[in-house]
Amino acid sequence: MARGFYTVLVLPDATSAPRKLHIGKTTIAGLASFVALTAMAFCFFLYQYVNLNVRMLELRQLRQEARKHDALGEKIRQLEGELARVRDLDRRLRVVVGLDQSEGLSVPLAQGGADAGGPNGLREAVANRTGGLVGWGVGELAALAQEIVSREQSMRELKTYLDEKTAVLAATPTILPSQGLVTAAYGHRRSPFTGKREFHEGMDIAAPVGTPIVATADGIVTFAGFAGSYGNVVFIDHGHGFATAYAHNSSNRVRVRQRVRRGEVIAYVGNTGRTTGPHVHYEVHVNGVAANPLTYAVDPSSPSFAGIAKAENQS
């Protein structure tokens, strides 16, 4: 019959007699089982500890991503609000200037949404590293960028339109060249020299010699000198079809190719050329044809007319 124990010889030293220890097989089996169970328990708790730390890390990442999502969403909502105000301003400006409003309405305000199928799309995106948050943010910002490009194009069109209108306004002779009494208006009159009926292509404003004469619009001087019966003359090209002339000046203050601004002094009232007294003869030409200066004056009722000039002007 097999023995139920193991014999273990113990030699304390080389000269001592060996000692015999008898250990039962059941004891050996129990100890082995205990060690195995202890090792298994240690491995299990170690796995749980590592797994718990991984889950805690994932939870922190999820919270960070959620905060980023909230911050990004708030920033995008702010940008959308600002773009909405720009869109409204764009629409109002187009109404004021009379431009087609359809150009500014081609792109809707930026909107977006998660592409996940369930309510935990953000959690799944973080857990699976699918980049859902990045994709959402990129999509929203791409839509906002498209809206910004559309607004920029519309504003550029508005600026071009307004710049053109500003340039036309700057070239329009909206003021009179000098203060004084209008002795001869634009239109038919009786010549002070021959007594015959003639067409007067400008207007005469009588004033003391030396009274400043100003440019009535922005432009470039194309002539400044003596011109026969007109005496000293300044001729200005304003662009956009407008040109003006100032005659009988005592002296000219500008030179050819000089750029002048509306209201800038260009000459002084005089009595040069064929005249009956000191005055400035003022003409406005539109596309090369003489026109009534009062047509373009901002306040055509402001000049004072001599009795004969007013009567001829009304006729």
Protein backbone atom coordinates (compact mmCIF):
# COMPACT_ATOMS: atom_id res chain seq x y z
CA MET A 1 0.00 0.00 0.00
CA ALA A 2 1.44 3.40 -0.96
CA ARG A 3 2.60 5.61 1.81
CA GLY A 4 0.47 8.68 2.63
CA PHE A 5 3.40 10.92 3.30
CA TYR A 6 6.71 12.16 1.91
CA THR A 7 10.01 11.79 3.79
CA VAL A 8 12.33 14.75 3.78
CA LEU A 9 15.97 14.34 4.97
CA VAL A 10 17.44 17.42 6.64
CA LEU A 11 21.23 17.66 7.08
CA PRO A 12 22.05 20.48 9.55
CA ASP A 13 25.81 20.12 8.73
CA ALA A 14 28.28 17.57 7.34
CA THR A 15 29.01 15.89 10.69
CA SER A 16 25.49 15.71 12.08
CA ALA A 17 23.16 12.81 11.59
CA PRO A 18 20.31 13.46 9.12
CA ARG A 19 16.90 14.18 10.43
CA LYS A 20 13.78 12.75 8.87
CA LEU A 21 10.65 14.79 8.40
CA HIS A 22 7.46 13.13 7.34
CA ILE A 23 5.01 15.48 5.49
CA GLY A 24 1.64 14.15 4.53
CA LYS A 25 0.56 14.27 0.90
CA THR A 26 -2.67 15.98 1.84
CA THR A 27 -0.64 18.73 3.51
CA ILE A 28 1.47 19.19 0.36
CA ALA A 29 -1.68 19.31 -1.79
CA GLY A 30 -3.27 21.87 0.54
CA LEU A 31 -0.21 24.10 0.46
CA ALA A 32 -0.02 23.89 -3.33
CA SER A 33 -3.67 24.77 -3.64
CA PHE A 34 -3.25 27.71 -1.28
CA VAL A 35 -0.28 29.07 -3.23
CA ALA A 36 -2.14 28.65 -6.52
CA LEU A 37 -5.23 30.38 -5.21
CA THR A 38 -3.13 33.20 -3.76
CA ALA A 39 -1.35 33.69 -7.10
CA MET A 40 -4.67 33.69 -8.95
CA ALA A 41 -6.18 36.18 -6.50
CA PHE A 42 -3.14 38.46 -6.86
CA CYS A 43 -3.33 38.35 -10.66
CA PHE A 44 -7.08 39.03 -10.56
CA PHE A 45 -6.73 42.03 -8.26
CA LEU A 46 -3.78 43.33 -10.32
CA TYR A 47 -5.90 43.09 -13.48
CA GLN A 48 -8.78 44.88 -11.80
CA TYR A 49 -6.44 47.61 -10.54
CA VAL A 50 -4.95 48.23 -14.01
CA ASN A 51 -8.38 48.10 -15.64
CA LEU A 52 -9.75 50.59 -13.10
CA ASN A 53 -6.91 53.00 -13.81
CA VAL A 54 -7.52 52.70 -17.55
CA ARG A 55 -11.22 53.43 -17.04
CA MET A 56 -10.38 56.41 -14.84
CA LEU A 57 -8.06 57.75 -17.55
CA GLU A 58 -10.76 57.29 -20.18
CA LEU A 59 -13.25 59.07 -17.90
CA ARG A 60 -10.89 62.04 -17.49
CA GLN A 61 -10.36 62.18 -21.26
CA LEU A 62 -14.10 62.05 -21.78
CA ARG A 63 -14.65 64.93 -19.40
CA GLN A 64 -11.91 66.94 -21.11
CA GLU A 65 -13.41 66.27 -24.52
CA ALA A 66 -16.84 67.23 -23.22
CA ARG A 67 -15.49 70.54 -21.90
CA LYS A 68 -13.77 71.16 -25.23
CA HIS A 69 -17.02 70.37 -27.01
CA ASP A 70 -18.93 72.86 -24.86
CA ALA A 71 -16.28 75.57 -25.35
CA LEU A 72 -16.11 74.95 -29.11
CA GLY A 73 -19.88 74.94 -29.38
CA GLU A 74 -20.14 78.25 -27.50
CA LYS A 75 -17.45 79.83 -29.71
CA ILE A 76 -19.23 78.66 -32.85
CA ARG A 77 -22.53 80.04 -31.55
CA GLN A 78 -20.84 83.39 -30.96
CA LEU A 79 -19.41 83.40 -34.48
CA GLU A 80 -22.81 82.51 -35.90
CA GLY A 81 -24.37 85.42 -34.00
CA GLU A 82 -21.75 87.84 -35.29
CA LEU A 83 -22.19 86.58 -38.85
CA ALA A 84 -25.95 86.96 -38.51
CA ARG A 85 -25.45 90.62 -37.64
CA VAL A 86 -23.08 91.04 -40.59
CA ARG A 87 -25.63 89.37 -42.87
CA ASP A 88 -28.34 91.74 -41.66
CA LEU A 89 -26.06 94.76 -42.19
CA ASP A 90 -25.22 93.48 -45.65
CA ARG A 91 -28.91 93.16 -46.49
CA ARG A 92 -29.68 96.65 -45.18
CA LEU A 93 -26.82 98.21 -47.14
CA ARG A 94 -27.97 96.48 -50.32
CA VAL A 95 -31.46 97.84 -49.81
CA VAL A 96 -30.09 101.36 -49.31
CA VAL A 97 -27.86 101.35 -52.40
CA GLY A 98 -30.31 99.37 -54.54
CA LEU A 99 -28.11 96.33 -55.21
CA ASP A 100 -29.50 92.87 -55.88
CA GLN A 101 -29.99 91.18 -52.51
CA SER A 102 -29.85 87.63 -53.89
CA GLU A 103 -26.05 87.83 -54.06
CA GLY A 104 -25.83 87.95 -50.30
CA LEU A 105 -28.23 85.07 -49.59
CA SER A 106 -26.50 82.16 -51.33
CA VAL A 107 -25.06 80.55 -48.18
CA PRO A 108 -27.20 79.70 -45.11
CA LEU A 109 -25.91 80.42 -41.65
CA ALA A 110 -23.58 77.65 -40.45
CA GLN A 111 -25.26 74.75 -38.65
CA GLY A 112 -24.22 71.24 -37.73
CA GLY A 113 -24.90 68.10 -35.75
CA ALA A 114 -23.34 64.86 -34.60
CA ASP A 115 -23.07 62.08 -37.17
CA ALA A 116 -23.48 59.36 -34.50
CA GLY A 117 -26.69 57.39 -34.50
CA GLY A 118 -27.32 57.39 -30.75
CA PRO A 119 -27.44 59.79 -27.83
CA ASN A 120 -23.93 58.80 -26.67
CA GLY A 121 -22.16 59.82 -29.84
CA LEU A 122 -19.55 61.90 -28.05
CA ARG A 123 -18.79 59.13 -25.55
CA GLU A 124 -18.46 56.57 -28.34
CA ALA A 125 -16.27 58.91 -30.34
CA VAL A 126 -13.89 59.29 -27.41
CA ALA A 127 -13.95 55.61 -26.47
CA ASN A 128 -13.43 54.41 -30.05
CA ARG A 129 -11.01 57.22 -31.02
CA THR A 130 -13.08 57.97 -34.10
CA GLY A 131 -12.35 61.71 -34.00
CA GLY A 132 -16.05 62.58 -33.93
CA LEU A 133 -15.46 65.78 -31.96
CA VAL A 134 -12.76 66.92 -34.35
CA GLY A 135 -14.93 66.10 -37.33
CA TRP A 136 -17.88 67.99 -35.86
CA GLY A 137 -15.75 71.03 -35.12
CA VAL A 138 -14.14 70.97 -38.55
CA GLY A 139 -17.55 70.72 -40.21
CA GLU A 140 -18.95 73.65 -38.25
CA LEU A 141 -15.89 75.80 -38.89
CA ALA A 142 -15.91 74.91 -42.59
CA ALA A 143 -19.50 76.10 -42.86
CA LEU A 144 -18.62 79.31 -41.01
CA ALA A 145 -15.63 79.83 -43.32
CA GLN A 146 -17.89 79.46 -46.34
CA GLU A 147 -20.29 82.01 -44.87
CA ILE A 148 -17.40 84.41 -44.20
CA VAL A 149 -16.22 84.08 -47.82
CA SER A 150 -19.74 84.86 -49.02
CA ARG A 151 -20.02 87.91 -46.74
CA GLU A 152 -16.55 89.09 -47.78
CA GLN A 153 -17.48 88.85 -51.45
CA SER A 154 -20.71 90.76 -50.85
CA MET A 155 -18.95 93.45 -48.81
CA ARG A 156 -16.30 93.77 -51.52
CA GLU A 157 -19.04 94.31 -54.07
CA LEU A 158 -20.65 96.91 -51.82
CA LYS A 159 -17.31 98.66 -51.33
CA THR A 160 -16.68 98.76 -55.07
CA TYR A 161 -20.15 100.16 -55.67
CA LEU A 162 -19.81 102.78 -52.92
CA ASP A 163 -16.29 103.71 -54.03
CA GLU A 164 -17.61 104.29 -57.53
CA LYS A 165 -20.49 106.38 -56.22
CA THR A 166 -18.08 108.32 -53.98
CA ALA A 167 -15.81 108.97 -56.94
CA VAL A 168 -18.75 110.22 -59.03
CA LEU A 169 -19.89 112.46 -56.18
CA ALA A 170 -16.37 113.85 -55.75
CA ALA A 171 -16.30 114.61 -59.50
CA THR A 172 -19.70 116.34 -59.51
CA PRO A 173 -19.53 120.18 -59.28
CA THR A 174 -21.92 120.58 -56.37
CA ILE A 175 -20.91 124.08 -55.22
CA LEU A 176 -20.47 127.49 -56.87
CA PRO A 177 -16.95 128.85 -57.43
CA SER A 178 -17.34 132.18 -55.65
CA GLN A 179 -19.64 134.27 -53.51
CA GLY A 180 -21.26 137.20 -55.26
CA LEU A 181 -24.15 138.37 -57.39
CA VAL A 182 -25.20 136.32 -60.42
CA THR A 183 -25.37 138.91 -63.22
CA ALA A 184 -25.88 136.47 -66.08
CA ALA A 185 -27.34 132.97 -65.77
CA TYR A 186 -26.96 129.98 -68.08
CA GLY A 187 -29.16 130.20 -71.16
CA HIS A 188 -30.29 132.86 -73.61
CA ARG A 189 -29.54 136.50 -72.77
CA ARG A 190 -29.07 139.86 -74.43
CA SER A 191 -25.37 140.51 -75.10
CA PRO A 192 -23.97 143.41 -73.02
CA PHE A 193 -21.72 144.29 -75.97
CA THR A 194 -23.91 143.92 -79.07
CA GLY A 195 -27.40 144.01 -77.58
CA LYS A 196 -28.30 140.91 -79.62
CA ARG A 197 -29.84 137.73 -78.20
CA GLU A 198 -27.22 135.06 -77.62
CA PHE A 199 -26.77 131.81 -75.74
CA HIS A 200 -24.67 132.10 -72.59
CA GLU A 201 -22.95 128.76 -71.87
CA GLY A 202 -22.15 129.54 -68.25
CA MET A 203 -23.00 131.86 -65.43
CA ASP A 204 -21.37 135.16 -64.40
CA ILE A 205 -20.85 135.85 -60.70
CA ALA A 206 -19.82 139.43 -59.96
CA ALA A 207 -17.51 139.98 -56.98
CA PRO A 208 -14.69 142.36 -55.98
CA VAL A 209 -11.29 141.82 -57.56
CA GLY A 210 -9.26 139.35 -55.50
CA THR A 211 -12.27 137.37 -54.23
CA PRO A 212 -11.18 133.70 -54.02
CA ILE A 213 -12.40 131.30 -56.73
CA VAL A 214 -12.58 127.65 -55.61
CA ALA A 215 -12.74 124.35 -57.48
CA THR A 216 -16.29 123.06 -57.45
CA ALA A 217 -15.24 119.38 -57.46
CA ASP A 218 -12.14 117.20 -57.25
CA GLY A 219 -10.13 117.01 -60.44
CA ILE A 220 -6.96 117.72 -62.41
CA VAL A 221 -6.08 121.08 -63.96
CA THR A 222 -5.82 120.70 -67.74
CA PHE A 223 -5.33 124.38 -68.59
CA ALA A 224 -4.23 127.43 -66.64
CA GLY A 225 -3.38 130.54 -68.65
CA PHE A 226 -4.59 133.34 -70.89
CA ALA A 227 -7.34 132.54 -73.42
CA GLY A 228 -8.20 135.60 -75.54
CA SER A 229 -11.45 137.31 -74.64
CA TYR A 230 -11.87 134.97 -71.63
CA GLY A 231 -8.73 136.43 -70.01
CA ASN A 232 -7.03 134.24 -67.44
CA VAL A 233 -8.74 130.85 -67.41
CA VAL A 234 -8.51 127.66 -65.36
CA PHE A 235 -9.95 124.49 -66.86
CA ILE A 236 -10.38 121.37 -64.67
CA ASP A 237 -11.16 117.80 -65.73
CA HIS A 238 -13.05 116.05 -62.93
CA GLY A 239 -13.50 112.67 -64.57
CA HIS A 240 -16.75 110.77 -65.05
CA GLY A 241 -17.61 113.17 -67.88
CA PHE A 242 -17.47 116.36 -65.79
CA ALA A 243 -15.28 119.41 -66.52
CA THR A 244 -15.43 123.04 -65.34
CA ALA A 245 -14.00 126.38 -66.52
CA TYR A 246 -13.31 129.61 -64.60
CA ALA A 247 -12.61 132.73 -66.67
CA HIS A 248 -11.65 136.45 -66.39
CA ASN A 249 -9.47 135.73 -63.33
CA SER A 250 -7.09 138.38 -62.05
CA SER A 251 -4.55 135.59 -61.45
CA ASN A 252 -4.43 131.81 -61.41
CA ARG A 253 -3.12 129.92 -58.41
CA VAL A 254 -2.75 126.45 -59.98
CA ARG A 255 -0.73 124.86 -62.73
CA VAL A 256 -1.42 122.24 -65.40
CA ARG A 257 -1.59 118.61 -64.15
CA GLN A 258 -2.11 119.75 -60.58
CA ARG A 259 -4.69 117.77 -58.62
CA VAL A 260 -7.21 119.91 -56.75
CA ARG A 261 -9.97 119.24 -54.23
CA ARG A 262 -13.46 120.67 -53.97
CA GLY A 263 -13.29 124.02 -52.15
CA GLU A 264 -9.59 124.57 -52.85
CA VAL A 265 -8.69 128.08 -54.05
CA ILE A 266 -7.55 127.94 -57.68
CA ALA A 267 -7.73 131.61 -58.77
CA TYR A 268 -9.01 135.09 -57.86
CA VAL A 269 -11.81 137.16 -59.35
CA GLY A 270 -10.58 139.65 -61.90
CA ASN A 271 -11.43 141.76 -64.93
CA THR A 272 -9.19 140.20 -67.59
CA GLY A 273 -10.38 139.62 -71.13
CA ARG A 274 -13.61 141.03 -72.51
CA THR A 275 -15.74 142.09 -69.54
CA THR A 276 -17.84 144.97 -68.23
CA GLY A 277 -16.55 144.52 -64.68
CA PRO A 278 -14.88 142.08 -62.27
CA HIS A 279 -16.58 138.69 -62.15
CA VAL A 280 -15.95 134.98 -62.70
CA HIS A 281 -17.43 133.32 -65.76
CA TYR A 282 -18.18 129.72 -64.68
CA GLU A 283 -19.02 126.85 -66.99
CA VAL A 284 -19.88 123.18 -66.39
CA HIS A 285 -19.35 120.69 -69.20
CA VAL A 286 -20.88 117.20 -69.16
CA ASN A 287 -19.42 114.80 -71.72
CA GLY A 288 -18.10 117.79 -73.64
CA VAL A 289 -21.40 119.73 -73.72
CA ALA A 290 -22.06 122.89 -71.70
CA ALA A 291 -24.71 122.39 -68.99
CA ASN A 292 -26.51 124.59 -66.48
CA PRO A 293 -24.26 124.77 -63.37
CA LEU A 294 -27.30 125.08 -61.11
CA THR A 295 -28.40 121.59 -62.21
CA TYR A 296 -25.59 120.08 -60.13
CA ALA A 297 -25.39 122.62 -57.30
CA VAL A 298 -26.45 121.17 -53.94
CA ASP A 299 -28.38 124.32 -53.05
CA PRO A 300 -29.31 126.05 -56.33
CA SER A 301 -31.43 128.62 -54.46
CA SER A 302 -28.49 130.02 -52.51
CA PRO A 303 -26.94 132.41 -55.10
CA SER A 304 -28.30 135.96 -55.35
CA PHE A 305 -29.47 136.97 -58.84
CA ALA A 306 -29.44 140.42 -60.31
CA GLY A 307 -32.90 141.42 -61.54
CA ILE A 308 -32.15 140.96 -65.23
CA ALA A 309 -30.27 137.69 -64.69
CA LYS A 310 -33.13 136.21 -62.65
CA ALA A 311 -35.70 137.22 -65.22
CA GLU A 312 -33.68 135.72 -68.08
CA ASN A 313 -33.04 132.56 -66.06
CA GLN A 314 -36.77 132.07 -65.38
CA SER A 315 -37.62 132.66 -69.02
